[in-house]
Amino acid sequence: PSVTLFDASLHHNFVTASNQGKDFDLTGIFNETLVEANPGLSVTVVDNHDTQPLQSLEAPVEQWFKPLAYALILLREKGYPCVFYPDMYSATYKDKGHDGQDYEIFLPACENIDKLLLARKQFAYGPQRDHFDHANCIGWTREGDADHPGSGCAVLLSNSEEGFKTMEVGKTHAGKKFTDWLGKYPGEVIIDEEGKGEFHVSPGSVSVWT
């Protein structure tokens, strides 16, 4: 397309989810977003230069939710994800607040952003199966494809307590051992003959099982 657009509605949902915590219904995280309505035009962001503190559209996503939000834009089929420089490398700057006073802002890097980017490159291919069936715990799988050996993954998010789901990654993975690529949840999952496994996630966290 000749024109693409930042998905401001999705960013708004990320901000709301990060502020409301367990009170936010994760099954509606993509409600009324451009990436759902017209994914070919949607540039998905977690934050950008306009939404950072002291800027014109100030609405930063809370730090705890950023790994979850990046999983939602990097590891799914739809949208054209854009990573914010400070989320990769951190940043410090001074600017004036609405009261005219000077403030110094420090933006820390997003936890595990490098591993999430590598997971996109290595694993996030093939058919997608969604499991958006619980307000505090959602997940999806990517089956992988023949062009990317070893690809395929199961992603699980929680904005409350520890969660788990039985999800299908495909029969081509039967008998394989999956572990959490991000190292946030211990142990391993053995995929059964139907291509399914029971995947877990720690409280307020994201796990990418590969």
N, C-alpha and C. Protein backbone atom coordinates (compact mmCIF):
# COMPACT_ATOMS: atom_id res chain seq x y z
N PRO A 1 0.82 -1.20 0.00
CA PRO A 1 0.00 0.00 0.00
C PRO A 1 0.86 1.26 0.00
N SER A 2 0.33 2.35 -0.54
CA SER A 2 1.07 3.61 -0.59
C SER A 2 1.05 4.34 0.74
N VAL A 3 0.08 4.01 1.60
CA VAL A 3 -0.04 4.65 2.91
C VAL A 3 -0.26 3.57 3.98
N THR A 4 0.50 3.66 5.06
CA THR A 4 0.25 2.84 6.24
C THR A 4 0.06 3.76 7.43
N LEU A 5 -0.57 3.24 8.48
CA LEU A 5 -0.95 4.08 9.61
C LEU A 5 -0.54 3.45 10.93
N PHE A 6 -0.07 4.28 11.86
CA PHE A 6 0.15 3.78 13.21
C PHE A 6 -1.19 3.36 13.81
N ASP A 7 -1.22 2.19 14.43
CA ASP A 7 -2.44 1.69 15.03
C ASP A 7 -2.62 2.32 16.41
N ALA A 8 -3.15 3.56 16.42
CA ALA A 8 -3.33 4.30 17.68
C ALA A 8 -4.33 3.61 18.60
N SER A 9 -5.32 2.95 18.01
CA SER A 9 -6.32 2.26 18.83
C SER A 9 -5.70 1.09 19.59
N LEU A 10 -4.82 0.35 18.93
CA LEU A 10 -4.14 -0.75 19.61
C LEU A 10 -3.25 -0.20 20.72
N HIS A 11 -2.53 0.88 20.44
CA HIS A 11 -1.69 1.50 21.47
C HIS A 11 -2.53 1.92 22.67
N HIS A 12 -3.71 2.50 22.40
CA HIS A 12 -4.61 2.89 23.49
C HIS A 12 -5.00 1.67 24.32
N ASN A 13 -5.28 0.55 23.67
CA ASN A 13 -5.63 -0.68 24.40
C ASN A 13 -4.46 -1.16 25.25
N PHE A 14 -3.25 -1.06 24.72
CA PHE A 14 -2.06 -1.45 25.50
C PHE A 14 -1.92 -0.58 26.75
N VAL A 15 -2.10 0.74 26.59
CA VAL A 15 -2.00 1.65 27.73
C VAL A 15 -3.05 1.30 28.78
N THR A 16 -4.28 1.11 28.33
CA THR A 16 -5.37 0.78 29.26
C THR A 16 -5.09 -0.54 29.97
N ALA A 17 -4.65 -1.54 29.21
CA ALA A 17 -4.34 -2.84 29.81
C ALA A 17 -3.23 -2.74 30.84
N SER A 18 -2.22 -1.93 30.53
CA SER A 18 -1.08 -1.81 31.44
C SER A 18 -1.45 -1.07 32.72
N ASN A 19 -2.44 -0.18 32.64
CA ASN A 19 -2.88 0.58 33.82
C ASN A 19 -3.91 -0.19 34.65
N GLN A 20 -4.74 -0.99 34.01
CA GLN A 20 -5.80 -1.69 34.73
C GLN A 20 -5.37 -3.04 35.29
N GLY A 21 -4.27 -3.59 34.79
CA GLY A 21 -3.80 -4.87 35.31
C GLY A 21 -4.82 -5.98 35.15
N LYS A 22 -5.08 -6.71 36.24
CA LYS A 22 -5.96 -7.89 36.16
C LYS A 22 -7.41 -7.51 35.87
N ASP A 23 -7.76 -6.23 35.98
CA ASP A 23 -9.13 -5.81 35.70
C ASP A 23 -9.41 -5.63 34.21
N PHE A 24 -8.36 -5.69 33.39
CA PHE A 24 -8.54 -5.57 31.94
C PHE A 24 -8.83 -6.93 31.34
N ASP A 25 -9.81 -7.00 30.45
CA ASP A 25 -10.17 -8.24 29.77
C ASP A 25 -9.28 -8.41 28.53
N LEU A 26 -8.32 -9.30 28.64
CA LEU A 26 -7.36 -9.49 27.55
C LEU A 26 -8.00 -10.02 26.27
N THR A 27 -9.16 -10.64 26.38
CA THR A 27 -9.80 -11.17 25.16
C THR A 27 -10.20 -10.05 24.21
N GLY A 28 -10.27 -8.80 24.72
CA GLY A 28 -10.64 -7.67 23.89
C GLY A 28 -9.48 -6.77 23.51
N ILE A 29 -8.25 -7.27 23.63
CA ILE A 29 -7.07 -6.43 23.39
C ILE A 29 -7.02 -5.91 21.96
N PHE A 30 -7.63 -6.62 21.00
CA PHE A 30 -7.62 -6.17 19.61
C PHE A 30 -8.95 -5.54 19.18
N ASN A 31 -9.85 -5.31 20.12
CA ASN A 31 -11.14 -4.71 19.77
C ASN A 31 -10.98 -3.30 19.20
N GLU A 32 -11.66 -3.04 18.09
CA GLU A 32 -11.70 -1.72 17.45
C GLU A 32 -10.30 -1.20 17.10
N THR A 33 -9.43 -2.11 16.66
CA THR A 33 -8.09 -1.72 16.25
C THR A 33 -7.94 -1.83 14.74
N LEU A 34 -6.98 -1.09 14.20
CA LEU A 34 -6.73 -1.13 12.77
C LEU A 34 -6.18 -2.49 12.34
N VAL A 35 -5.37 -3.10 13.18
CA VAL A 35 -4.77 -4.38 12.82
C VAL A 35 -5.83 -5.47 12.65
N GLU A 36 -6.97 -5.32 13.32
CA GLU A 36 -8.07 -6.26 13.13
C GLU A 36 -8.90 -5.89 11.90
N ALA A 37 -9.12 -4.59 11.70
CA ALA A 37 -9.99 -4.14 10.61
C ALA A 37 -9.30 -4.18 9.25
N ASN A 38 -8.02 -3.79 9.22
CA ASN A 38 -7.29 -3.72 7.95
C ASN A 38 -5.79 -3.92 8.21
N PRO A 39 -5.39 -5.17 8.46
CA PRO A 39 -4.00 -5.43 8.88
C PRO A 39 -2.96 -5.01 7.87
N GLY A 40 -3.31 -4.95 6.58
CA GLY A 40 -2.35 -4.56 5.58
C GLY A 40 -1.92 -3.10 5.67
N LEU A 41 -2.71 -2.30 6.38
CA LEU A 41 -2.39 -0.87 6.53
C LEU A 41 -1.86 -0.54 7.91
N SER A 42 -1.81 -1.51 8.81
CA SER A 42 -1.55 -1.25 10.22
C SER A 42 -0.07 -1.39 10.60
N VAL A 43 0.49 -0.29 11.11
CA VAL A 43 1.82 -0.31 11.73
C VAL A 43 1.60 -0.39 13.24
N THR A 44 1.91 -1.53 13.82
CA THR A 44 1.64 -1.76 15.24
C THR A 44 2.81 -1.30 16.08
N VAL A 45 2.52 -0.56 17.15
CA VAL A 45 3.55 -0.03 18.04
C VAL A 45 3.16 -0.27 19.48
N VAL A 46 4.17 -0.34 20.34
CA VAL A 46 3.94 -0.38 21.78
C VAL A 46 4.08 1.03 22.36
N ASP A 47 5.07 1.77 21.91
CA ASP A 47 5.23 3.19 22.20
C ASP A 47 5.98 3.81 21.03
N ASN A 48 5.93 5.14 20.93
CA ASN A 48 6.77 5.84 19.94
C ASN A 48 7.13 7.23 20.44
N HIS A 49 7.75 8.03 19.59
CA HIS A 49 8.26 9.34 20.01
C HIS A 49 7.16 10.29 20.45
N ASP A 50 5.94 10.10 19.99
CA ASP A 50 4.84 10.97 20.38
C ASP A 50 4.22 10.57 21.72
N THR A 51 4.27 9.28 22.05
CA THR A 51 3.59 8.80 23.25
C THR A 51 4.50 8.76 24.48
N GLN A 52 5.80 9.01 24.30
CA GLN A 52 6.72 8.95 25.43
C GLN A 52 6.45 10.13 26.38
N PRO A 53 6.91 10.05 27.64
CA PRO A 53 6.64 11.09 28.62
C PRO A 53 7.08 12.48 28.16
N LEU A 54 6.25 13.47 28.43
CA LEU A 54 6.45 14.90 28.15
C LEU A 54 6.23 15.28 26.70
N GLN A 55 5.80 14.32 25.87
CA GLN A 55 5.57 14.63 24.47
C GLN A 55 4.08 14.89 24.19
N SER A 56 3.75 15.26 22.95
CA SER A 56 2.43 15.78 22.63
C SER A 56 1.29 14.80 22.89
N LEU A 57 1.53 13.52 22.65
CA LEU A 57 0.49 12.51 22.86
C LEU A 57 0.89 11.57 24.00
N GLU A 58 1.44 12.15 25.07
CA GLU A 58 1.99 11.35 26.17
C GLU A 58 1.00 10.31 26.68
N ALA A 59 1.40 9.04 26.54
CA ALA A 59 0.59 7.92 27.03
C ALA A 59 1.46 6.68 27.01
N PRO A 60 2.46 6.64 27.88
CA PRO A 60 3.37 5.48 27.86
C PRO A 60 2.74 4.22 28.41
N VAL A 61 3.10 3.09 27.82
CA VAL A 61 2.68 1.78 28.32
C VAL A 61 3.53 1.44 29.54
N GLU A 62 2.88 0.97 30.59
CA GLU A 62 3.61 0.61 31.81
C GLU A 62 4.62 -0.49 31.52
N GLN A 63 5.78 -0.40 32.20
CA GLN A 63 6.91 -1.25 31.88
C GLN A 63 6.61 -2.74 32.01
N TRP A 64 5.80 -3.13 33.00
CA TRP A 64 5.53 -4.56 33.22
C TRP A 64 4.80 -5.19 32.05
N PHE A 65 4.01 -4.36 31.32
CA PHE A 65 3.18 -4.89 30.25
C PHE A 65 3.89 -4.90 28.90
N LYS A 66 5.02 -4.20 28.80
CA LYS A 66 5.67 -4.08 27.49
C LYS A 66 6.07 -5.42 26.87
N PRO A 67 6.64 -6.38 27.61
CA PRO A 67 6.95 -7.67 26.98
C PRO A 67 5.70 -8.37 26.45
N LEU A 68 4.57 -8.23 27.14
CA LEU A 68 3.32 -8.82 26.67
C LEU A 68 2.87 -8.14 25.38
N ALA A 69 2.96 -6.80 25.37
CA ALA A 69 2.54 -6.04 24.19
C ALA A 69 3.42 -6.36 22.98
N TYR A 70 4.73 -6.45 23.20
CA TYR A 70 5.62 -6.77 22.08
C TYR A 70 5.37 -8.18 21.55
N ALA A 71 5.04 -9.12 22.43
CA ALA A 71 4.68 -10.45 21.95
C ALA A 71 3.45 -10.37 21.05
N LEU A 72 2.51 -9.50 21.41
CA LEU A 72 1.26 -9.35 20.66
C LEU A 72 1.47 -8.73 19.28
N ILE A 73 2.53 -7.94 19.10
CA ILE A 73 2.75 -7.36 17.77
C ILE A 73 3.83 -8.09 16.98
N LEU A 74 4.74 -8.79 17.68
CA LEU A 74 5.86 -9.41 16.97
C LEU A 74 5.60 -10.86 16.55
N LEU A 75 4.74 -11.57 17.29
CA LEU A 75 4.66 -13.02 17.11
C LEU A 75 3.35 -13.48 16.49
N ARG A 76 2.57 -12.53 15.96
CA ARG A 76 1.30 -12.88 15.33
C ARG A 76 1.35 -12.58 13.83
N GLU A 77 0.34 -13.06 13.11
CA GLU A 77 0.33 -12.95 11.65
C GLU A 77 0.12 -11.53 11.16
N LYS A 78 -0.74 -10.78 11.85
CA LYS A 78 -1.22 -9.51 11.31
C LYS A 78 -0.39 -8.32 11.77
N GLY A 79 -0.34 -7.29 10.89
CA GLY A 79 0.29 -6.03 11.24
C GLY A 79 1.75 -5.97 10.84
N TYR A 80 2.26 -4.72 10.81
CA TYR A 80 3.66 -4.44 10.50
C TYR A 80 4.28 -3.82 11.75
N PRO A 81 4.95 -4.63 12.57
CA PRO A 81 5.41 -4.12 13.86
C PRO A 81 6.58 -3.15 13.75
N CYS A 82 6.56 -2.17 14.64
CA CYS A 82 7.63 -1.16 14.70
C CYS A 82 8.13 -1.09 16.13
N VAL A 83 9.42 -1.35 16.34
CA VAL A 83 10.01 -1.36 17.67
C VAL A 83 10.55 0.04 18.00
N PHE A 84 10.22 0.55 19.17
CA PHE A 84 10.65 1.88 19.63
C PHE A 84 12.10 1.79 20.12
N TYR A 85 12.95 2.68 19.61
CA TYR A 85 14.38 2.65 19.91
C TYR A 85 14.68 2.53 21.41
N PRO A 86 14.08 3.36 22.29
CA PRO A 86 14.39 3.23 23.72
C PRO A 86 13.98 1.89 24.32
N ASP A 87 12.99 1.22 23.74
CA ASP A 87 12.62 -0.10 24.25
C ASP A 87 13.70 -1.13 23.95
N MET A 88 14.54 -0.82 22.98
CA MET A 88 15.66 -1.71 22.64
C MET A 88 16.94 -1.31 23.39
N TYR A 89 17.18 0.01 23.45
CA TYR A 89 18.48 0.48 23.93
C TYR A 89 18.41 1.36 25.17
N SER A 90 17.22 1.70 25.65
CA SER A 90 16.96 2.65 26.73
C SER A 90 17.27 4.08 26.27
N ALA A 91 16.86 5.06 27.06
CA ALA A 91 17.10 6.45 26.70
C ALA A 91 16.94 7.34 27.92
N THR A 92 17.67 8.45 27.93
CA THR A 92 17.55 9.48 28.96
C THR A 92 17.46 10.83 28.27
N TYR A 93 16.53 11.69 28.73
CA TYR A 93 16.41 13.02 28.13
C TYR A 93 15.78 13.99 29.12
N LYS A 94 15.91 15.29 28.84
CA LYS A 94 15.28 16.34 29.62
C LYS A 94 14.32 17.11 28.73
N ASP A 95 13.18 17.49 29.31
CA ASP A 95 12.20 18.27 28.57
C ASP A 95 11.31 18.98 29.57
N LYS A 96 10.48 19.90 29.08
CA LYS A 96 9.59 20.65 29.95
C LYS A 96 8.25 19.94 30.10
N GLY A 97 7.73 19.96 31.32
CA GLY A 97 6.41 19.41 31.57
C GLY A 97 5.34 20.44 31.29
N HIS A 98 4.08 20.07 31.51
CA HIS A 98 2.96 20.98 31.26
C HIS A 98 3.00 22.18 32.21
N ASP A 99 3.73 22.04 33.32
CA ASP A 99 3.85 23.15 34.27
C ASP A 99 5.01 24.08 33.95
N GLY A 100 5.71 23.81 32.84
CA GLY A 100 6.83 24.65 32.44
C GLY A 100 8.14 24.32 33.11
N GLN A 101 8.12 23.35 34.02
CA GLN A 101 9.34 22.95 34.72
C GLN A 101 10.10 21.91 33.90
N ASP A 102 11.42 21.86 34.12
CA ASP A 102 12.26 20.87 33.45
C ASP A 102 12.24 19.55 34.21
N TYR A 103 12.17 18.46 33.44
CA TYR A 103 12.18 17.13 34.05
C TYR A 103 13.16 16.25 33.30
N GLU A 104 13.80 15.36 34.05
CA GLU A 104 14.69 14.37 33.44
C GLU A 104 13.97 13.03 33.41
N ILE A 105 13.92 12.42 32.24
CA ILE A 105 13.19 11.17 32.04
C ILE A 105 14.17 10.05 31.70
N PHE A 106 13.97 8.90 32.32
CA PHE A 106 14.75 7.72 31.95
C PHE A 106 13.80 6.64 31.48
N LEU A 107 14.02 6.15 30.27
CA LEU A 107 13.22 5.06 29.71
C LEU A 107 14.07 3.80 29.67
N PRO A 108 13.77 2.81 30.51
CA PRO A 108 14.55 1.56 30.49
C PRO A 108 14.18 0.71 29.28
N ALA A 109 15.10 -0.14 28.88
CA ALA A 109 14.82 -1.07 27.78
C ALA A 109 13.76 -2.07 28.22
N CYS A 110 13.02 -2.58 27.26
CA CYS A 110 11.99 -3.60 27.53
C CYS A 110 12.66 -4.93 27.81
N GLU A 111 12.24 -5.58 28.88
CA GLU A 111 12.80 -6.88 29.24
C GLU A 111 12.59 -7.90 28.12
N ASN A 112 13.65 -8.59 27.77
CA ASN A 112 13.62 -9.68 26.78
C ASN A 112 13.25 -9.24 25.37
N ILE A 113 13.36 -7.94 25.05
CA ILE A 113 13.01 -7.49 23.71
C ILE A 113 13.88 -8.17 22.65
N ASP A 114 15.15 -8.40 22.97
CA ASP A 114 16.03 -9.05 22.00
C ASP A 114 15.59 -10.49 21.73
N LYS A 115 15.15 -11.20 22.78
CA LYS A 115 14.69 -12.58 22.60
C LYS A 115 13.36 -12.62 21.85
N LEU A 116 12.51 -11.63 22.08
CA LEU A 116 11.24 -11.58 21.37
C LEU A 116 11.46 -11.33 19.88
N LEU A 117 12.41 -10.46 19.55
CA LEU A 117 12.73 -10.20 18.14
C LEU A 117 13.31 -11.44 17.47
N LEU A 118 14.17 -12.14 18.20
CA LEU A 118 14.76 -13.35 17.65
C LEU A 118 13.70 -14.45 17.50
N ALA A 119 12.75 -14.48 18.43
CA ALA A 119 11.65 -15.45 18.32
C ALA A 119 10.82 -15.20 17.07
N ARG A 120 10.61 -13.92 16.75
CA ARG A 120 9.88 -13.59 15.51
C ARG A 120 10.63 -14.13 14.30
N LYS A 121 11.92 -13.92 14.30
CA LYS A 121 12.74 -14.32 13.15
C LYS A 121 12.82 -15.83 12.99
N GLN A 122 12.88 -16.55 14.10
CA GLN A 122 13.13 -17.99 14.03
C GLN A 122 11.87 -18.86 14.10
N PHE A 123 10.84 -18.40 14.82
CA PHE A 123 9.74 -19.31 15.15
C PHE A 123 8.36 -18.89 14.66
N ALA A 124 8.10 -17.59 14.46
CA ALA A 124 6.73 -17.11 14.24
C ALA A 124 6.32 -17.22 12.77
N TYR A 125 6.12 -18.47 12.34
CA TYR A 125 5.71 -18.75 10.96
C TYR A 125 4.56 -19.76 10.97
N GLY A 126 3.85 -19.82 9.85
CA GLY A 126 2.82 -20.84 9.68
C GLY A 126 1.47 -20.44 10.24
N PRO A 127 0.49 -21.37 10.13
CA PRO A 127 -0.88 -21.10 10.58
C PRO A 127 -0.92 -20.69 12.05
N GLN A 128 -1.87 -19.82 12.36
CA GLN A 128 -2.05 -19.30 13.71
C GLN A 128 -3.36 -19.81 14.30
N ARG A 129 -3.30 -20.28 15.54
CA ARG A 129 -4.51 -20.71 16.26
C ARG A 129 -4.64 -19.87 17.53
N ASP A 130 -5.76 -19.17 17.65
CA ASP A 130 -5.97 -18.28 18.80
C ASP A 130 -6.72 -18.97 19.93
N HIS A 131 -6.36 -18.63 21.16
CA HIS A 131 -7.04 -19.11 22.37
C HIS A 131 -7.31 -17.89 23.25
N PHE A 132 -8.22 -17.05 22.78
CA PHE A 132 -8.61 -15.85 23.52
C PHE A 132 -9.90 -16.18 24.28
N ASP A 133 -9.78 -17.01 25.30
CA ASP A 133 -10.95 -17.57 25.96
C ASP A 133 -10.97 -17.34 27.47
N HIS A 134 -10.09 -16.48 27.98
CA HIS A 134 -10.07 -16.17 29.41
C HIS A 134 -9.64 -14.72 29.59
N ALA A 135 -10.35 -13.97 30.43
CA ALA A 135 -10.11 -12.54 30.57
C ALA A 135 -8.68 -12.21 31.02
N ASN A 136 -8.06 -13.10 31.79
CA ASN A 136 -6.73 -12.81 32.34
C ASN A 136 -5.61 -13.64 31.73
N CYS A 137 -5.96 -14.53 30.79
CA CYS A 137 -4.93 -15.39 30.20
C CYS A 137 -5.32 -15.73 28.77
N ILE A 138 -4.55 -15.23 27.81
CA ILE A 138 -4.80 -15.52 26.40
C ILE A 138 -3.55 -16.13 25.77
N GLY A 139 -3.76 -16.81 24.66
CA GLY A 139 -2.62 -17.42 23.99
C GLY A 139 -2.90 -17.69 22.54
N TRP A 140 -1.86 -18.07 21.83
CA TRP A 140 -1.99 -18.50 20.45
C TRP A 140 -0.78 -19.36 20.08
N THR A 141 -0.91 -20.08 18.99
CA THR A 141 0.20 -20.89 18.50
C THR A 141 0.47 -20.55 17.04
N ARG A 142 1.71 -20.76 16.63
CA ARG A 142 2.10 -20.72 15.23
C ARG A 142 2.67 -22.09 14.90
N GLU A 143 2.17 -22.69 13.85
CA GLU A 143 2.52 -24.08 13.56
C GLU A 143 3.92 -24.23 12.97
N GLY A 144 4.44 -23.15 12.37
CA GLY A 144 5.71 -23.27 11.68
C GLY A 144 5.50 -23.66 10.23
N ASP A 145 6.55 -23.61 9.43
CA ASP A 145 6.44 -24.04 8.03
C ASP A 145 7.74 -24.69 7.57
N ALA A 146 7.68 -25.29 6.39
CA ALA A 146 8.82 -26.06 5.88
C ALA A 146 10.00 -25.19 5.51
N ASP A 147 9.75 -23.92 5.23
CA ASP A 147 10.83 -23.02 4.83
C ASP A 147 11.69 -22.56 6.00
N HIS A 148 11.21 -22.80 7.22
CA HIS A 148 11.94 -22.36 8.42
C HIS A 148 12.04 -23.53 9.39
N PRO A 149 13.04 -24.40 9.20
CA PRO A 149 13.20 -25.58 10.06
C PRO A 149 13.25 -25.20 11.54
N GLY A 150 12.50 -25.94 12.35
CA GLY A 150 12.46 -25.67 13.78
C GLY A 150 11.49 -24.58 14.18
N SER A 151 10.76 -24.02 13.20
CA SER A 151 9.84 -22.93 13.53
C SER A 151 8.56 -23.48 14.15
N GLY A 152 7.75 -22.57 14.65
CA GLY A 152 6.55 -22.91 15.40
C GLY A 152 6.73 -22.51 16.85
N CYS A 153 5.64 -22.07 17.50
CA CYS A 153 5.73 -21.64 18.90
C CYS A 153 4.34 -21.59 19.51
N ALA A 154 4.32 -21.55 20.84
CA ALA A 154 3.09 -21.36 21.60
C ALA A 154 3.33 -20.20 22.54
N VAL A 155 2.47 -19.19 22.47
CA VAL A 155 2.64 -17.96 23.26
C VAL A 155 1.50 -17.85 24.25
N LEU A 156 1.82 -17.56 25.51
CA LEU A 156 0.81 -17.44 26.56
C LEU A 156 1.08 -16.19 27.38
N LEU A 157 0.01 -15.39 27.62
CA LEU A 157 0.11 -14.14 28.36
C LEU A 157 -0.82 -14.18 29.57
N SER A 158 -0.39 -13.59 30.68
CA SER A 158 -1.25 -13.43 31.85
C SER A 158 -1.10 -12.02 32.40
N ASN A 159 -2.23 -11.38 32.75
CA ASN A 159 -2.16 -10.08 33.42
C ASN A 159 -2.58 -10.21 34.88
N SER A 160 -2.62 -11.46 35.37
CA SER A 160 -3.02 -11.71 36.75
C SER A 160 -2.14 -12.82 37.32
N GLU A 161 -2.75 -13.88 37.82
CA GLU A 161 -1.99 -14.97 38.43
C GLU A 161 -1.47 -15.94 37.37
N GLU A 162 -0.78 -16.97 37.83
CA GLU A 162 -0.25 -17.97 36.90
C GLU A 162 -1.38 -18.60 36.09
N GLY A 163 -1.12 -18.86 34.81
CA GLY A 163 -2.14 -19.43 33.95
C GLY A 163 -1.62 -20.59 33.13
N PHE A 164 -2.56 -21.36 32.54
CA PHE A 164 -2.16 -22.46 31.67
C PHE A 164 -3.27 -22.72 30.66
N LYS A 165 -2.89 -23.27 29.52
CA LYS A 165 -3.85 -23.65 28.49
C LYS A 165 -3.32 -24.85 27.73
N THR A 166 -4.24 -25.70 27.31
CA THR A 166 -3.90 -26.74 26.34
C THR A 166 -4.10 -26.14 24.96
N MET A 167 -3.04 -26.11 24.16
CA MET A 167 -3.09 -25.49 22.84
C MET A 167 -2.44 -26.41 21.81
N GLU A 168 -2.90 -26.30 20.58
CA GLU A 168 -2.41 -27.15 19.50
C GLU A 168 -1.35 -26.42 18.68
N VAL A 169 -0.18 -27.04 18.53
CA VAL A 169 0.87 -26.47 17.68
C VAL A 169 0.99 -27.23 16.36
N GLY A 170 0.28 -28.34 16.24
CA GLY A 170 0.30 -29.11 15.00
C GLY A 170 0.94 -30.47 15.18
N LYS A 171 0.44 -31.46 14.43
CA LYS A 171 0.92 -32.83 14.57
C LYS A 171 2.37 -33.01 14.13
N THR A 172 2.89 -32.09 13.33
CA THR A 172 4.30 -32.20 12.92
C THR A 172 5.24 -32.05 14.11
N HIS A 173 4.72 -31.54 15.23
CA HIS A 173 5.55 -31.35 16.43
C HIS A 173 5.35 -32.47 17.45
N ALA A 174 4.56 -33.49 17.12
CA ALA A 174 4.29 -34.58 18.07
C ALA A 174 5.59 -35.19 18.59
N GLY A 175 5.66 -35.36 19.90
CA GLY A 175 6.84 -35.96 20.53
C GLY A 175 7.95 -34.98 20.86
N LYS A 176 7.87 -33.75 20.37
CA LYS A 176 8.92 -32.76 20.62
C LYS A 176 8.79 -32.16 22.02
N LYS A 177 9.93 -31.73 22.55
CA LYS A 177 9.97 -31.04 23.84
C LYS A 177 10.01 -29.53 23.60
N PHE A 178 9.10 -28.81 24.21
CA PHE A 178 9.07 -27.35 24.13
C PHE A 178 9.49 -26.77 25.48
N THR A 179 10.30 -25.71 25.45
CA THR A 179 10.67 -24.97 26.66
C THR A 179 10.41 -23.49 26.42
N ASP A 180 10.36 -22.73 27.52
CA ASP A 180 10.08 -21.31 27.42
C ASP A 180 11.33 -20.57 26.91
N TRP A 181 11.25 -20.07 25.70
CA TRP A 181 12.34 -19.34 25.05
C TRP A 181 12.82 -18.16 25.89
N LEU A 182 11.90 -17.55 26.64
CA LEU A 182 12.23 -16.37 27.45
C LEU A 182 12.76 -16.75 28.83
N GLY A 183 12.67 -18.03 29.19
CA GLY A 183 13.16 -18.48 30.49
C GLY A 183 12.35 -18.00 31.67
N LYS A 184 11.08 -17.63 31.42
CA LYS A 184 10.24 -17.10 32.49
C LYS A 184 9.50 -18.20 33.25
N TYR A 185 9.34 -19.37 32.60
CA TYR A 185 8.64 -20.48 33.26
C TYR A 185 9.49 -21.73 33.11
N PRO A 186 9.76 -22.44 34.20
CA PRO A 186 10.65 -23.61 34.15
C PRO A 186 9.98 -24.84 33.56
N GLY A 187 10.78 -25.86 33.31
CA GLY A 187 10.26 -27.15 32.87
C GLY A 187 10.12 -27.24 31.36
N GLU A 188 9.49 -28.34 30.94
CA GLU A 188 9.31 -28.58 29.52
C GLU A 188 7.92 -29.15 29.26
N VAL A 189 7.49 -29.03 28.02
CA VAL A 189 6.19 -29.54 27.60
C VAL A 189 6.42 -30.54 26.47
N ILE A 190 5.88 -31.75 26.61
CA ILE A 190 5.98 -32.76 25.56
C ILE A 190 4.70 -32.68 24.72
N ILE A 191 4.86 -32.47 23.43
CA ILE A 191 3.70 -32.38 22.53
C ILE A 191 3.15 -33.78 22.28
N ASP A 192 1.83 -33.95 22.45
CA ASP A 192 1.24 -35.28 22.31
C ASP A 192 1.01 -35.62 20.83
N GLU A 193 0.45 -36.81 20.59
CA GLU A 193 0.30 -37.31 19.21
C GLU A 193 -0.70 -36.48 18.40
N GLU A 194 -1.55 -35.71 19.08
CA GLU A 194 -2.50 -34.85 18.38
C GLU A 194 -1.92 -33.45 18.12
N GLY A 195 -0.68 -33.26 18.54
CA GLY A 195 -0.03 -31.97 18.32
C GLY A 195 -0.34 -30.94 19.38
N LYS A 196 -0.80 -31.40 20.55
CA LYS A 196 -1.20 -30.48 21.61
C LYS A 196 -0.28 -30.60 22.83
N GLY A 197 -0.27 -29.54 23.63
CA GLY A 197 0.48 -29.55 24.87
C GLY A 197 -0.16 -28.60 25.86
N GLU A 198 0.12 -28.80 27.16
CA GLU A 198 -0.37 -27.89 28.19
C GLU A 198 0.74 -26.89 28.52
N PHE A 199 0.52 -25.64 28.16
CA PHE A 199 1.52 -24.59 28.31
C PHE A 199 1.17 -23.69 29.49
N HIS A 200 2.20 -23.17 30.16
CA HIS A 200 2.01 -22.37 31.37
C HIS A 200 2.66 -20.99 31.22
N VAL A 201 2.21 -20.06 32.07
CA VAL A 201 2.79 -18.72 32.11
C VAL A 201 2.79 -18.24 33.56
N SER A 202 3.83 -17.52 33.94
CA SER A 202 3.95 -16.98 35.29
C SER A 202 3.03 -15.77 35.46
N PRO A 203 2.76 -15.36 36.70
CA PRO A 203 1.87 -14.21 36.94
C PRO A 203 2.37 -12.94 36.26
N GLY A 204 1.45 -12.21 35.61
CA GLY A 204 1.78 -10.93 34.98
C GLY A 204 2.92 -11.01 34.00
N SER A 205 2.95 -12.05 33.18
CA SER A 205 4.12 -12.33 32.37
C SER A 205 3.72 -12.88 31.00
N VAL A 206 4.73 -13.18 30.19
CA VAL A 206 4.54 -13.83 28.90
C VAL A 206 5.57 -14.94 28.77
N SER A 207 5.16 -16.06 28.19
CA SER A 207 6.08 -17.14 27.88
C SER A 207 5.93 -17.51 26.42
N VAL A 208 7.05 -17.79 25.78
CA VAL A 208 7.07 -18.19 24.37
C VAL A 208 7.69 -19.58 24.31
N TRP A 209 6.84 -20.58 24.14
CA TRP A 209 7.28 -21.97 24.16
C TRP A 209 7.72 -22.40 22.77
N THR A 210 8.95 -22.89 22.66
CA THR A 210 9.50 -23.29 21.35
C THR A 210 10.19 -24.63 21.48
